[in-house]
């Protein structure tokens, strides 16, 4: 996932790998909390895109704008996972 984020941000150097890894960890924790489940960040295209955009916003010191700008996608993620869980429990 680190290489995907670096490509997305157009970062070609390795000096920031540790910081980017921390951003990815924070993003995964944040998105898992929103979804209420552990997301698959290797296969789930919505989760991957939201994680990359989370990384873009945090990397550019604009995290406070992320939730407002991605409100509909975050809501869709939360609802999708809630519906899956509800269907599994029936």
N, C-alpha and C. Protein backbone atom coordinates (compact mmCIF):
# COMPACT_ATOMS: atom_id res chain seq x y z
N UNK A 1 0.83 -1.19 0.00
CA UNK A 1 0.00 0.00 0.00
C UNK A 1 0.87 1.26 0.00
N UNK A 2 2.07 1.16 0.60
CA UNK A 2 2.96 2.31 0.63
C UNK A 2 3.29 2.79 -0.78
N UNK A 3 3.60 1.85 -1.67
CA UNK A 3 3.94 2.24 -3.04
C UNK A 3 2.74 2.86 -3.76
N UNK A 4 1.55 2.35 -3.50
CA UNK A 4 0.35 2.95 -4.11
C UNK A 4 0.18 4.39 -3.65
N UNK A 5 0.38 4.63 -2.35
CA UNK A 5 0.25 5.99 -1.82
C UNK A 5 1.34 6.90 -2.40
N UNK A 6 2.56 6.40 -2.47
CA UNK A 6 3.64 7.21 -3.03
C UNK A 6 3.35 7.56 -4.49
N UNK A 7 2.86 6.61 -5.26
CA UNK A 7 2.49 6.89 -6.66
C UNK A 7 1.37 7.91 -6.73
N UNK A 8 0.38 7.76 -5.86
CA UNK A 8 -0.77 8.67 -5.84
C UNK A 8 -0.33 10.10 -5.51
N UNK A 9 0.63 10.21 -4.60
CA UNK A 9 1.14 11.53 -4.20
C UNK A 9 2.27 12.02 -5.10
N UNK A 10 2.70 11.16 -6.02
CA UNK A 10 3.84 11.45 -6.89
C UNK A 10 5.12 11.70 -6.09
N UNK A 11 5.29 10.90 -5.05
CA UNK A 11 6.50 10.94 -4.22
C UNK A 11 7.43 9.87 -4.75
N UNK A 12 8.60 10.27 -5.25
CA UNK A 12 9.53 9.32 -5.85
C UNK A 12 10.73 9.04 -4.96
N UNK A 13 10.84 9.72 -3.84
CA UNK A 13 11.96 9.54 -2.92
C UNK A 13 11.50 8.70 -1.73
N UNK A 14 12.47 8.15 -1.00
CA UNK A 14 12.17 7.26 0.11
C UNK A 14 12.27 7.92 1.48
N UNK A 15 12.69 9.17 1.52
CA UNK A 15 12.91 9.86 2.80
C UNK A 15 11.66 9.92 3.67
N UNK A 16 10.50 9.89 3.07
CA UNK A 16 9.25 10.06 3.82
C UNK A 16 8.50 8.75 4.05
N UNK A 17 9.14 7.63 3.76
CA UNK A 17 8.46 6.33 3.89
C UNK A 17 7.88 6.11 5.28
N UNK A 18 8.65 6.42 6.31
CA UNK A 18 8.17 6.20 7.68
C UNK A 18 6.95 7.06 7.98
N UNK A 19 7.00 8.32 7.58
CA UNK A 19 5.85 9.21 7.78
C UNK A 19 4.63 8.72 7.00
N UNK A 20 4.85 8.29 5.77
CA UNK A 20 3.74 7.80 4.95
C UNK A 20 3.15 6.51 5.52
N UNK A 21 4.01 5.64 6.07
CA UNK A 21 3.51 4.43 6.73
C UNK A 21 2.61 4.78 7.91
N UNK A 22 3.01 5.80 8.68
CA UNK A 22 2.20 6.24 9.81
C UNK A 22 0.86 6.81 9.34
N UNK A 23 0.89 7.57 8.25
CA UNK A 23 -0.35 8.11 7.68
C UNK A 23 -1.27 6.97 7.26
N UNK A 24 -0.71 5.94 6.62
CA UNK A 24 -1.52 4.79 6.21
C UNK A 24 -2.14 4.08 7.41
N UNK A 25 -1.35 3.90 8.47
CA UNK A 25 -1.88 3.25 9.67
C UNK A 25 -3.02 4.07 10.26
N UNK A 26 -2.83 5.38 10.38
CA UNK A 26 -3.88 6.24 10.92
C UNK A 26 -5.12 6.20 10.03
N UNK A 27 -4.91 6.20 8.72
CA UNK A 27 -6.03 6.16 7.78
C UNK A 27 -6.81 4.86 7.88
N UNK A 28 -6.10 3.74 8.00
CA UNK A 28 -6.78 2.45 8.14
C UNK A 28 -7.59 2.41 9.43
N UNK A 29 -7.00 2.88 10.53
CA UNK A 29 -7.72 2.92 11.80
C UNK A 29 -8.96 3.79 11.69
N UNK A 30 -8.81 4.94 11.08
CA UNK A 30 -9.92 5.89 10.92
C UNK A 30 -11.05 5.28 10.09
N UNK A 31 -10.70 4.71 8.95
CA UNK A 31 -11.72 4.14 8.06
C UNK A 31 -12.37 2.89 8.65
N UNK A 32 -11.59 2.07 9.35
CA UNK A 32 -12.17 0.91 10.03
C UNK A 32 -13.17 1.35 11.08
N UNK A 33 -12.86 2.43 11.78
CA UNK A 33 -13.79 2.94 12.79
C UNK A 33 -15.07 3.45 12.15
N UNK A 34 -14.94 4.17 11.04
CA UNK A 34 -16.12 4.67 10.32
C UNK A 34 -16.99 3.50 9.85
N UNK A 35 -16.33 2.46 9.31
CA UNK A 35 -17.05 1.31 8.75
C UNK A 35 -17.59 0.39 9.83
N UNK A 36 -16.95 0.38 10.99
CA UNK A 36 -17.37 -0.52 12.06
C UNK A 36 -16.87 -1.94 11.90
N UNK A 37 -15.99 -2.16 10.92
CA UNK A 37 -15.40 -3.48 10.66
C UNK A 37 -13.98 -3.28 10.16
N UNK A 38 -13.24 -4.40 10.08
CA UNK A 38 -11.92 -4.38 9.47
C UNK A 38 -12.09 -4.44 7.95
N UNK A 39 -11.66 -3.41 7.27
CA UNK A 39 -11.79 -3.35 5.81
C UNK A 39 -10.62 -4.06 5.14
N UNK A 40 -10.83 -4.51 3.92
CA UNK A 40 -9.77 -5.14 3.13
C UNK A 40 -9.18 -4.07 2.21
N UNK A 41 -8.04 -3.54 2.61
CA UNK A 41 -7.42 -2.46 1.86
C UNK A 41 -6.60 -2.96 0.67
N UNK A 42 -6.70 -4.25 0.38
CA UNK A 42 -6.05 -4.80 -0.80
C UNK A 42 -7.05 -5.06 -1.93
N UNK A 43 -8.33 -5.30 -1.58
CA UNK A 43 -9.32 -5.69 -2.58
C UNK A 43 -10.50 -4.72 -2.70
N UNK A 44 -10.83 -4.02 -1.64
CA UNK A 44 -12.02 -3.16 -1.60
C UNK A 44 -11.69 -1.81 -2.24
N UNK A 45 -12.20 -1.59 -3.44
CA UNK A 45 -11.83 -0.38 -4.19
C UNK A 45 -12.26 0.91 -3.49
N UNK A 46 -13.41 0.93 -2.84
CA UNK A 46 -13.84 2.13 -2.12
C UNK A 46 -12.92 2.40 -0.94
N UNK A 47 -12.58 1.36 -0.19
CA UNK A 47 -11.68 1.51 0.95
C UNK A 47 -10.30 1.98 0.50
N UNK A 48 -9.81 1.42 -0.59
CA UNK A 48 -8.50 1.81 -1.11
C UNK A 48 -8.51 3.28 -1.51
N UNK A 49 -9.51 3.69 -2.26
CA UNK A 49 -9.58 5.08 -2.72
C UNK A 49 -9.69 6.04 -1.55
N UNK A 50 -10.51 5.71 -0.57
CA UNK A 50 -10.64 6.58 0.61
C UNK A 50 -9.33 6.64 1.39
N UNK A 51 -8.62 5.53 1.49
CA UNK A 51 -7.34 5.52 2.18
C UNK A 51 -6.32 6.39 1.45
N UNK A 52 -6.27 6.29 0.13
CA UNK A 52 -5.35 7.12 -0.64
C UNK A 52 -5.70 8.60 -0.50
N UNK A 53 -6.97 8.92 -0.53
CA UNK A 53 -7.37 10.32 -0.37
C UNK A 53 -7.13 10.81 1.05
N UNK A 54 -7.33 9.96 2.05
CA UNK A 54 -6.98 10.30 3.42
C UNK A 54 -5.50 10.66 3.48
N UNK A 55 -4.67 9.81 2.87
CA UNK A 55 -3.23 10.06 2.84
C UNK A 55 -2.89 11.37 2.15
N UNK A 56 -3.58 11.66 1.06
CA UNK A 56 -3.34 12.92 0.33
C UNK A 56 -3.66 14.12 1.20
N UNK A 57 -4.79 14.07 1.88
CA UNK A 57 -5.19 15.20 2.73
C UNK A 57 -4.25 15.37 3.91
N UNK A 58 -3.90 14.28 4.59
CA UNK A 58 -3.00 14.38 5.74
C UNK A 58 -1.61 14.84 5.29
N UNK A 59 -1.12 14.28 4.20
CA UNK A 59 0.20 14.66 3.68
C UNK A 59 0.27 16.15 3.37
N UNK A 60 -0.84 16.71 2.91
CA UNK A 60 -0.89 18.13 2.56
C UNK A 60 -1.44 19.00 3.69
N UNK A 61 -1.41 18.46 4.92
CA UNK A 61 -1.84 19.20 6.11
C UNK A 61 -3.26 19.75 5.98
N UNK A 62 -4.16 18.95 5.45
CA UNK A 62 -5.55 19.38 5.24
C UNK A 62 -6.55 18.37 5.78
N UNK A 63 -6.16 17.62 6.81
CA UNK A 63 -7.05 16.58 7.33
C UNK A 63 -8.41 17.13 7.72
N UNK A 64 -8.44 18.35 8.25
CA UNK A 64 -9.72 18.92 8.71
C UNK A 64 -10.74 19.04 7.58
N UNK A 65 -10.31 19.00 6.34
CA UNK A 65 -11.22 19.09 5.19
C UNK A 65 -11.65 17.72 4.66
N UNK A 66 -10.95 16.67 5.07
CA UNK A 66 -11.21 15.34 4.51
C UNK A 66 -12.65 14.89 4.76
N UNK A 67 -13.08 14.93 6.00
CA UNK A 67 -14.41 14.42 6.33
C UNK A 67 -15.51 15.19 5.61
N UNK A 68 -15.36 16.49 5.52
CA UNK A 68 -16.38 17.30 4.83
C UNK A 68 -16.39 17.00 3.33
N UNK A 69 -15.22 16.87 2.73
CA UNK A 69 -15.14 16.65 1.29
C UNK A 69 -15.48 15.23 0.85
N UNK A 70 -15.40 14.28 1.78
CA UNK A 70 -15.68 12.88 1.45
C UNK A 70 -16.86 12.34 2.26
N UNK A 71 -17.71 13.24 2.70
CA UNK A 71 -18.84 12.86 3.55
C UNK A 71 -19.71 11.79 2.90
N UNK A 72 -20.05 11.96 1.63
CA UNK A 72 -20.95 11.00 0.98
C UNK A 72 -20.28 9.63 0.82
N UNK A 73 -18.99 9.61 0.48
CA UNK A 73 -18.28 8.34 0.34
C UNK A 73 -18.14 7.63 1.69
N UNK A 74 -17.87 8.41 2.75
CA UNK A 74 -17.75 7.82 4.09
C UNK A 74 -19.09 7.27 4.56
N UNK A 75 -20.15 7.99 4.26
CA UNK A 75 -21.49 7.51 4.62
C UNK A 75 -21.82 6.24 3.84
N UNK A 76 -21.50 6.22 2.56
CA UNK A 76 -21.75 5.03 1.74
C UNK A 76 -20.98 3.83 2.29
N UNK A 77 -19.73 4.04 2.68
CA UNK A 77 -18.91 2.97 3.27
C UNK A 77 -19.56 2.45 4.55
N UNK A 78 -19.95 3.35 5.42
CA UNK A 78 -20.57 2.97 6.69
C UNK A 78 -21.88 2.21 6.47
N UNK A 79 -22.71 2.72 5.58
CA UNK A 79 -23.99 2.05 5.29
C UNK A 79 -23.77 0.68 4.65
N UNK A 80 -22.85 0.61 3.72
CA UNK A 80 -22.57 -0.66 3.04
C UNK A 80 -22.16 -1.74 4.04
N UNK A 81 -21.26 -1.38 4.94
CA UNK A 81 -20.78 -2.36 5.91
C UNK A 81 -21.87 -2.70 6.93
N UNK A 82 -22.68 -1.72 7.30
CA UNK A 82 -23.79 -1.98 8.22
C UNK A 82 -24.82 -2.91 7.61
N UNK A 83 -25.10 -2.71 6.32
CA UNK A 83 -26.05 -3.59 5.63
C UNK A 83 -25.51 -5.01 5.50
N UNK A 84 -24.20 -5.13 5.23
CA UNK A 84 -23.59 -6.46 5.16
C UNK A 84 -23.74 -7.19 6.49
N UNK A 85 -23.43 -6.48 7.57
CA UNK A 85 -23.51 -7.09 8.89
C UNK A 85 -24.95 -7.47 9.22
N UNK A 86 -25.89 -6.61 8.88
CA UNK A 86 -27.30 -6.90 9.13
C UNK A 86 -27.74 -8.14 8.35
N UNK A 87 -27.34 -8.23 7.09
CA UNK A 87 -27.71 -9.38 6.25
C UNK A 87 -27.10 -10.68 6.80
N UNK A 88 -25.89 -10.60 7.32
CA UNK A 88 -25.24 -11.79 7.87
C UNK A 88 -25.92 -12.27 9.15
N UNK A 89 -26.52 -11.34 9.89
CA UNK A 89 -27.15 -11.69 11.17
C UNK A 89 -28.59 -12.16 11.02
N UNK A 90 -29.13 -12.11 9.82
CA UNK A 90 -30.51 -12.57 9.61
C UNK A 90 -30.57 -14.03 9.27
